[in-house]
């Protein structure tokens, strides 16, 4: 009987056994486990679901962009004296660095943040620069009138005001239940 050739022990088999997972190349695995790429995939999935439910695409993409760019302005939205007020903290920026748009029942704030720090001491010089675009897209409540919106910028805070939508009083209503009034008796098994 002829003997089968054996492979040297240091040579790996290229065949996979059934049921064993495929090994991903190192770069592919690192990308899949990267927190930023996981967050990007999550935001994309939530965005897709929001579109399916009629909320619209893009509301969650501002989160994804801020994760990618590393900075996103803090935003607060509240009602004050019959007005809807939105405040965004934009320290170190001027009004010329900021762009505000309203479309598709949402408010979008975009701009570029530039920061340069120089430190000089005796025998020491340090200079750091950082640049980055930011993007925030915020859904507005149903019925808000964006035509009367006003924006102001003071001390690093962007404030946008517009008439708050009128809250329609919702009343509870009782539903009549149709069907049998007496429960059916259950026969016991012998």
C-alpha atoms as a PDB file:
ATOM      1  CA  UNK A   1       0.000   0.000   0.000  1.00  0.00           C
ATOM      2  CA  UNK A   2       1.444   3.429  -0.933  1.00  0.00           C
ATOM      3  CA  UNK A   3       1.984   5.848   1.916  1.00  0.00           C
ATOM      4  CA  UNK A   4       0.298   9.267   1.870  1.00  0.00           C
ATOM      5  CA  UNK A   5       2.625  12.238   1.812  1.00  0.00           C
ATOM      6  CA  UNK A   6       2.638  14.200   5.008  1.00  0.00           C
ATOM      7  CA  UNK A   7       3.047  17.937   5.161  1.00  0.00           C
ATOM      8  CA  UNK A   8       5.755  19.294   7.390  1.00  0.00           C
ATOM      9  CA  UNK A   9       4.384  20.442  10.779  1.00  0.00           C
ATOM     10  CA  UNK A  10       5.249  24.081  10.193  1.00  0.00           C
ATOM     11  CA  UNK A  11       3.109  24.284   7.034  1.00  0.00           C
ATOM     12  CA  UNK A  12      -0.536  25.190   7.701  1.00  0.00           C
ATOM     13  CA  UNK A  13      -3.418  23.674   5.810  1.00  0.00           C
ATOM     14  CA  UNK A  14      -5.318  26.024   3.526  1.00  0.00           C
ATOM     15  CA  UNK A  15      -8.591  24.112   3.902  1.00  0.00           C
ATOM     16  CA  UNK A  16     -11.037  25.103   6.613  1.00  0.00           C
ATOM     17  CA  UNK A  17     -13.018  22.593   8.543  1.00  0.00           C
ATOM     18  CA  UNK A  18     -16.803  22.904   8.429  1.00  0.00           C
ATOM     19  CA  UNK A  19     -18.135  25.179  11.134  1.00  0.00           C
ATOM     20  CA  UNK A  20     -14.876  27.013  11.804  1.00  0.00           C
ATOM     21  CA  UNK A  21     -15.077  30.766  11.310  1.00  0.00           C
ATOM     22  CA  UNK A  22     -13.031  32.484   8.647  1.00  0.00           C
ATOM     23  CA  UNK A  23     -10.073  34.371  10.032  1.00  0.00           C
ATOM     24  CA  UNK A  24     -10.195  38.023   9.071  1.00  0.00           C
ATOM     25  CA  UNK A  25      -7.027  39.768   7.941  1.00  0.00           C
ATOM     26  CA  UNK A  26      -5.518  41.833  10.763  1.00  0.00           C
ATOM     27  CA  UNK A  27      -6.474  45.202   9.220  1.00  0.00           C
ATOM     28  CA  UNK A  28     -10.060  44.125   8.601  1.00  0.00           C
ATOM     29  CA  UNK A  29     -10.457  42.925  12.184  1.00  0.00           C
ATOM     30  CA  UNK A  30      -8.949  46.111  13.592  1.00  0.00           C
ATOM     31  CA  UNK A  31     -11.376  48.204  11.539  1.00  0.00           C
ATOM     32  CA  UNK A  32     -14.366  46.102  12.650  1.00  0.00           C
ATOM     33  CA  UNK A  33     -13.418  46.511  16.327  1.00  0.00           C
ATOM     34  CA  UNK A  34     -12.597  50.214  16.055  1.00  0.00           C
ATOM     35  CA  UNK A  35     -15.071  52.108  18.337  1.00  0.00           C
ATOM     36  CA  UNK A  36     -15.468  54.867  15.763  1.00  0.00           C
ATOM     37  CA  UNK A  37     -16.427  52.435  12.982  1.00  0.00           C
ATOM     38  CA  UNK A  38     -18.809  50.604  15.325  1.00  0.00           C
ATOM     39  CA  UNK A  39     -20.470  53.908  16.224  1.00  0.00           C
ATOM     40  CA  UNK A  40     -20.638  54.867  12.532  1.00  0.00           C
ATOM     41  CA  UNK A  41     -22.365  51.565  11.705  1.00  0.00           C
ATOM     42  CA  UNK A  42     -24.773  51.990  14.617  1.00  0.00           C
ATOM     43  CA  UNK A  43     -25.674  55.566  13.631  1.00  0.00           C
ATOM     44  CA  UNK A  44     -26.181  54.474  10.009  1.00  0.00           C
ATOM     45  CA  UNK A  45     -28.545  51.720  11.109  1.00  0.00           C
ATOM     46  CA  UNK A  46     -30.515  54.060  13.407  1.00  0.00           C
ATOM     47  CA  UNK A  47     -30.664  56.628  10.603  1.00  0.00           C
ATOM     48  CA  UNK A  48     -32.026  53.969   8.218  1.00  0.00           C
ATOM     49  CA  UNK A  49     -34.684  52.946  10.759  1.00  0.00           C
ATOM     50  CA  UNK A  50     -35.669  56.589  11.319  1.00  0.00           C
ATOM     51  CA  UNK A  51     -36.199  56.982   7.581  1.00  0.00           C
ATOM     52  CA  UNK A  52     -38.388  53.851   7.498  1.00  0.00           C
ATOM     53  CA  UNK A  53     -40.578  55.291  10.255  1.00  0.00           C
ATOM     54  CA  UNK A  54     -40.940  58.631   8.463  1.00  0.00           C
ATOM     55  CA  UNK A  55     -38.679  60.737  10.695  1.00  0.00           C
ATOM     56  CA  UNK A  56     -36.351  61.457   7.803  1.00  0.00           C
ATOM     57  CA  UNK A  57     -32.753  60.647   7.033  1.00  0.00           C
ATOM     58  CA  UNK A  58     -29.943  62.762   8.419  1.00  0.00           C
ATOM     59  CA  UNK A  59     -31.025  63.492  11.987  1.00  0.00           C
ATOM     60  CA  UNK A  60     -28.513  61.014  13.391  1.00  0.00           C
ATOM     61  CA  UNK A  61     -25.756  61.727  10.893  1.00  0.00           C
ATOM     62  CA  UNK A  62     -24.653  64.743  12.940  1.00  0.00           C
ATOM     63  CA  UNK A  63     -23.677  62.312  15.701  1.00  0.00           C
ATOM     64  CA  UNK A  64     -21.672  60.251  13.215  1.00  0.00           C
ATOM     65  CA  UNK A  65     -19.918  63.342  11.856  1.00  0.00           C
ATOM     66  CA  UNK A  66     -19.058  64.594  15.333  1.00  0.00           C
ATOM     67  CA  UNK A  67     -17.570  61.172  16.156  1.00  0.00           C
ATOM     68  CA  UNK A  68     -15.453  61.345  13.011  1.00  0.00           C
ATOM     69  CA  UNK A  69     -14.340  64.968  13.474  1.00  0.00           C
ATOM     70  CA  UNK A  70     -13.879  64.769  17.218  1.00  0.00           C
ATOM     71  CA  UNK A  71     -15.853  67.887  18.210  1.00  0.00           C
ATOM     72  CA  UNK A  72     -19.458  68.937  18.074  1.00  0.00           C
ATOM     73  CA  UNK A  73     -21.016  71.985  19.770  1.00  0.00           C
ATOM     74  CA  UNK A  74     -23.191  71.489  22.842  1.00  0.00           C
ATOM     75  CA  UNK A  75     -26.794  72.407  22.030  1.00  0.00           C
ATOM     76  CA  UNK A  76     -29.779  73.111  24.239  1.00  0.00           C
ATOM     77  CA  UNK A  77     -33.388  73.535  23.042  1.00  0.00           C
ATOM     78  CA  UNK A  78     -36.153  74.889  25.300  1.00  0.00           C
ATOM     79  CA  UNK A  79     -39.284  77.076  25.346  1.00  0.00           C
ATOM     80  CA  UNK A  80     -39.178  80.610  26.778  1.00  0.00           C
ATOM     81  CA  UNK A  81     -42.031  83.163  26.706  1.00  0.00           C
ATOM     82  CA  UNK A  82     -43.872  81.455  23.849  1.00  0.00           C
ATOM     83  CA  UNK A  83     -40.705  81.054  21.765  1.00  0.00           C
ATOM     84  CA  UNK A  84     -38.680  77.985  20.896  1.00  0.00           C
ATOM     85  CA  UNK A  85     -35.068  78.772  21.808  1.00  0.00           C
ATOM     86  CA  UNK A  86     -32.000  76.900  20.622  1.00  0.00           C
ATOM     87  CA  UNK A  87     -28.597  77.743  22.113  1.00  0.00           C
ATOM     88  CA  UNK A  88     -25.314  76.342  20.793  1.00  0.00           C
ATOM     89  CA  UNK A  89     -22.001  76.796  22.606  1.00  0.00           C
ATOM     90  CA  UNK A  90     -19.357  77.802  20.053  1.00  0.00           C
ATOM     91  CA  UNK A  91     -16.398  79.108  22.067  1.00  0.00           C
ATOM     92  CA  UNK A  92     -13.579  80.781  20.181  1.00  0.00           C
ATOM     93  CA  UNK A  93     -15.647  81.255  17.014  1.00  0.00           C
ATOM     94  CA  UNK A  94     -17.054  84.362  15.374  1.00  0.00           C
ATOM     95  CA  UNK A  95     -20.389  84.687  13.599  1.00  0.00           C
ATOM     96  CA  UNK A  96     -18.497  84.512  10.277  1.00  0.00           C
ATOM     97  CA  UNK A  97     -17.295  80.971  11.135  1.00  0.00           C
ATOM     98  CA  UNK A  98     -20.864  79.660  11.472  1.00  0.00           C
ATOM     99  CA  UNK A  99     -23.572  78.817   8.952  1.00  0.00           C
ATOM    100  CA  UNK A 100     -27.217  78.140   9.971  1.00  0.00           C
ATOM    101  CA  UNK A 101     -29.804  76.608   7.632  1.00  0.00           C
ATOM    102  CA  UNK A 102     -33.399  75.485   8.113  1.00  0.00           C
ATOM    103  CA  UNK A 103     -34.899  72.884   5.793  1.00  0.00           C
ATOM    104  CA  UNK A 104     -37.013  69.736   5.976  1.00  0.00           C
ATOM    105  CA  UNK A 105     -38.279  70.532   9.489  1.00  0.00           C
ATOM    106  CA  UNK A 106     -34.706  70.595  10.838  1.00  0.00           C
ATOM    107  CA  UNK A 107     -32.070  73.151  11.765  1.00  0.00           C
ATOM    108  CA  UNK A 108     -28.469  72.617  10.650  1.00  0.00           C
ATOM    109  CA  UNK A 109     -25.449  74.360  12.167  1.00  0.00           C
ATOM    110  CA  UNK A 110     -22.136  73.988  10.342  1.00  0.00           C
ATOM    111  CA  UNK A 111     -18.785  75.698  10.497  1.00  0.00           C
ATOM    112  CA  UNK A 112     -15.078  75.352  10.983  1.00  0.00           C
ATOM    113  CA  UNK A 113     -13.226  75.563  14.247  1.00  0.00           C
ATOM    114  CA  UNK A 114      -9.612  76.696  14.207  1.00  0.00           C
ATOM    115  CA  UNK A 115      -7.400  76.804  17.254  1.00  0.00           C
ATOM    116  CA  UNK A 116      -3.775  77.841  17.486  1.00  0.00           C
ATOM    117  CA  UNK A 117      -1.811  77.958  20.709  1.00  0.00           C
ATOM    118  CA  UNK A 118       1.693  79.311  21.002  1.00  0.00           C
ATOM    119  CA  UNK A 119       3.807  79.078  24.115  1.00  0.00           C
ATOM    120  CA  UNK A 120       7.128  80.895  24.345  1.00  0.00           C
ATOM    121  CA  UNK A 121       9.476  80.696  27.286  1.00  0.00           C
ATOM    122  CA  UNK A 122      13.187  81.082  27.684  1.00  0.00           C
ATOM    123  CA  UNK A 123      14.773  78.367  25.549  1.00  0.00           C
ATOM    124  CA  UNK A 124      11.353  76.860  24.714  1.00  0.00           C
ATOM    125  CA  UNK A 125       8.856  77.359  21.912  1.00  0.00           C
ATOM    126  CA  UNK A 126       5.677  75.327  21.366  1.00  0.00           C
ATOM    127  CA  UNK A 127       2.985  75.770  18.737  1.00  0.00           C
ATOM    128  CA  UNK A 128      -0.153  73.654  18.355  1.00  0.00           C
ATOM    129  CA  UNK A 129      -2.809  74.009  15.697  1.00  0.00           C
ATOM    130  CA  UNK A 130      -6.083  72.183  15.311  1.00  0.00           C
ATOM    131  CA  UNK A 131      -8.664  72.552  12.585  1.00  0.00           C
ATOM    132  CA  UNK A 132     -11.936  70.803  12.041  1.00  0.00           C
ATOM    133  CA  UNK A 133     -15.369  71.186  10.604  1.00  0.00           C
ATOM    134  CA  UNK A 134     -18.429  70.640  12.746  1.00  0.00           C
ATOM    135  CA  UNK A 135     -21.993  69.757  11.845  1.00  0.00           C
ATOM    136  CA  UNK A 136     -25.164  69.539  13.945  1.00  0.00           C
ATOM    137  CA  UNK A 137     -28.597  68.757  12.513  1.00  0.00           C
ATOM    138  CA  UNK A 138     -31.482  69.061  14.941  1.00  0.00           C
ATOM    139  CA  UNK A 139     -35.101  68.077  14.303  1.00  0.00           C
ATOM    140  CA  UNK A 140     -37.632  70.819  15.005  1.00  0.00           C
ATOM    141  CA  UNK A 141     -41.022  70.181  16.618  1.00  0.00           C
ATOM    142  CA  UNK A 142     -43.995  69.671  14.316  1.00  0.00           C
ATOM    143  CA  UNK A 143     -45.760  72.933  13.444  1.00  0.00           C
ATOM    144  CA  UNK A 144     -42.870  75.323  14.143  1.00  0.00           C
ATOM    145  CA  UNK A 145     -42.785  78.398  11.885  1.00  0.00           C
ATOM    146  CA  UNK A 146     -39.207  78.745  10.642  1.00  0.00           C
ATOM    147  CA  UNK A 147     -40.022  81.856   8.559  1.00  0.00           C
ATOM    148  CA  UNK A 148     -39.994  84.007  11.721  1.00  0.00           C
ATOM    149  CA  UNK A 149     -36.718  82.584  13.094  1.00  0.00           C
ATOM    150  CA  UNK A 150     -33.987  84.964  14.272  1.00  0.00           C
ATOM    151  CA  UNK A 151     -30.357  84.251  15.117  1.00  0.00           C
ATOM    152  CA  UNK A 152     -27.870  86.142  17.281  1.00  0.00           C
ATOM    153  CA  UNK A 153     -24.294  85.429  18.364  1.00  0.00           C
ATOM    154  CA  UNK A 154     -22.759  86.806  21.551  1.00  0.00           C
ATOM    155  CA  UNK A 155     -19.920  85.676  23.831  1.00  0.00           C
ATOM    156  CA  UNK A 156     -19.472  82.366  21.990  1.00  0.00           C
ATOM    157  CA  UNK A 157     -23.171  81.412  22.169  1.00  0.00           C
ATOM    158  CA  UNK A 158     -25.385  81.152  19.101  1.00  0.00           C
ATOM    159  CA  UNK A 159     -29.051  81.707  19.977  1.00  0.00           C
ATOM    160  CA  UNK A 160     -31.857  80.983  17.533  1.00  0.00           C
ATOM    161  CA  UNK A 161     -35.425  81.912  18.425  1.00  0.00           C
ATOM    162  CA  UNK A 162     -38.708  81.271  16.637  1.00  0.00           C
ATOM    163  CA  UNK A 163     -42.368  81.172  17.646  1.00  0.00           C
ATOM    164  CA  UNK A 164     -43.114  77.957  19.508  1.00  0.00           C
ATOM    165  CA  UNK A 165     -45.728  75.727  17.903  1.00  0.00           C
ATOM    166  CA  UNK A 166     -49.165  75.910  19.466  1.00  0.00           C
ATOM    167  CA  UNK A 167     -49.779  72.906  21.657  1.00  0.00           C
ATOM    168  CA  UNK A 168     -53.051  71.312  20.709  1.00  0.00           C
ATOM    169  CA  UNK A 169     -54.897  70.017  23.753  1.00  0.00           C
ATOM    170  CA  UNK A 170     -55.250  66.273  23.482  1.00  0.00           C
ATOM    171  CA  UNK A 171     -58.277  64.777  25.087  1.00  0.00           C
ATOM    172  CA  UNK A 172     -58.654  61.194  26.107  1.00  0.00           C
ATOM    173  CA  UNK A 173     -61.440  59.197  24.552  1.00  0.00           C
ATOM    174  CA  UNK A 174     -62.929  55.974  25.693  1.00  0.00           C
ATOM    175  CA  UNK A 175     -63.158  53.111  23.198  1.00  0.00           C
ATOM    176  CA  UNK A 176     -66.182  50.822  23.155  1.00  0.00           C
ATOM    177  CA  UNK A 177     -65.195  47.163  23.191  1.00  0.00           C
ATOM    178  CA  UNK A 178     -67.231  44.942  20.896  1.00  0.00           C
ATOM    179  CA  UNK A 179     -67.658  41.221  21.430  1.00  0.00           C
ATOM    180  CA  UNK A 180     -69.027  38.829  23.994  1.00  0.00           C
ATOM    181  CA  UNK A 181     -69.922  40.042  27.436  1.00  0.00           C
ATOM    182  CA  UNK A 182     -69.686  36.664  29.173  1.00  0.00           C
ATOM    183  CA  UNK A 183     -66.494  34.600  29.105  1.00  0.00           C
ATOM    184  CA  UNK A 184     -66.818  31.154  27.569  1.00  0.00           C
ATOM    185  CA  UNK A 185     -66.492  28.338  30.066  1.00  0.00           C
ATOM    186  CA  UNK A 186     -63.646  25.996  29.464  1.00  0.00           C
ATOM    187  CA  UNK A 187     -64.382  22.288  29.449  1.00  0.00           C
ATOM    188  CA  UNK A 188     -62.148  20.237  31.714  1.00  0.00           C
ATOM    189  CA  UNK A 189     -60.333  17.311  30.163  1.00  0.00           C
ATOM    190  CA  UNK A 190     -61.304  13.942  31.668  1.00  0.00           C
END
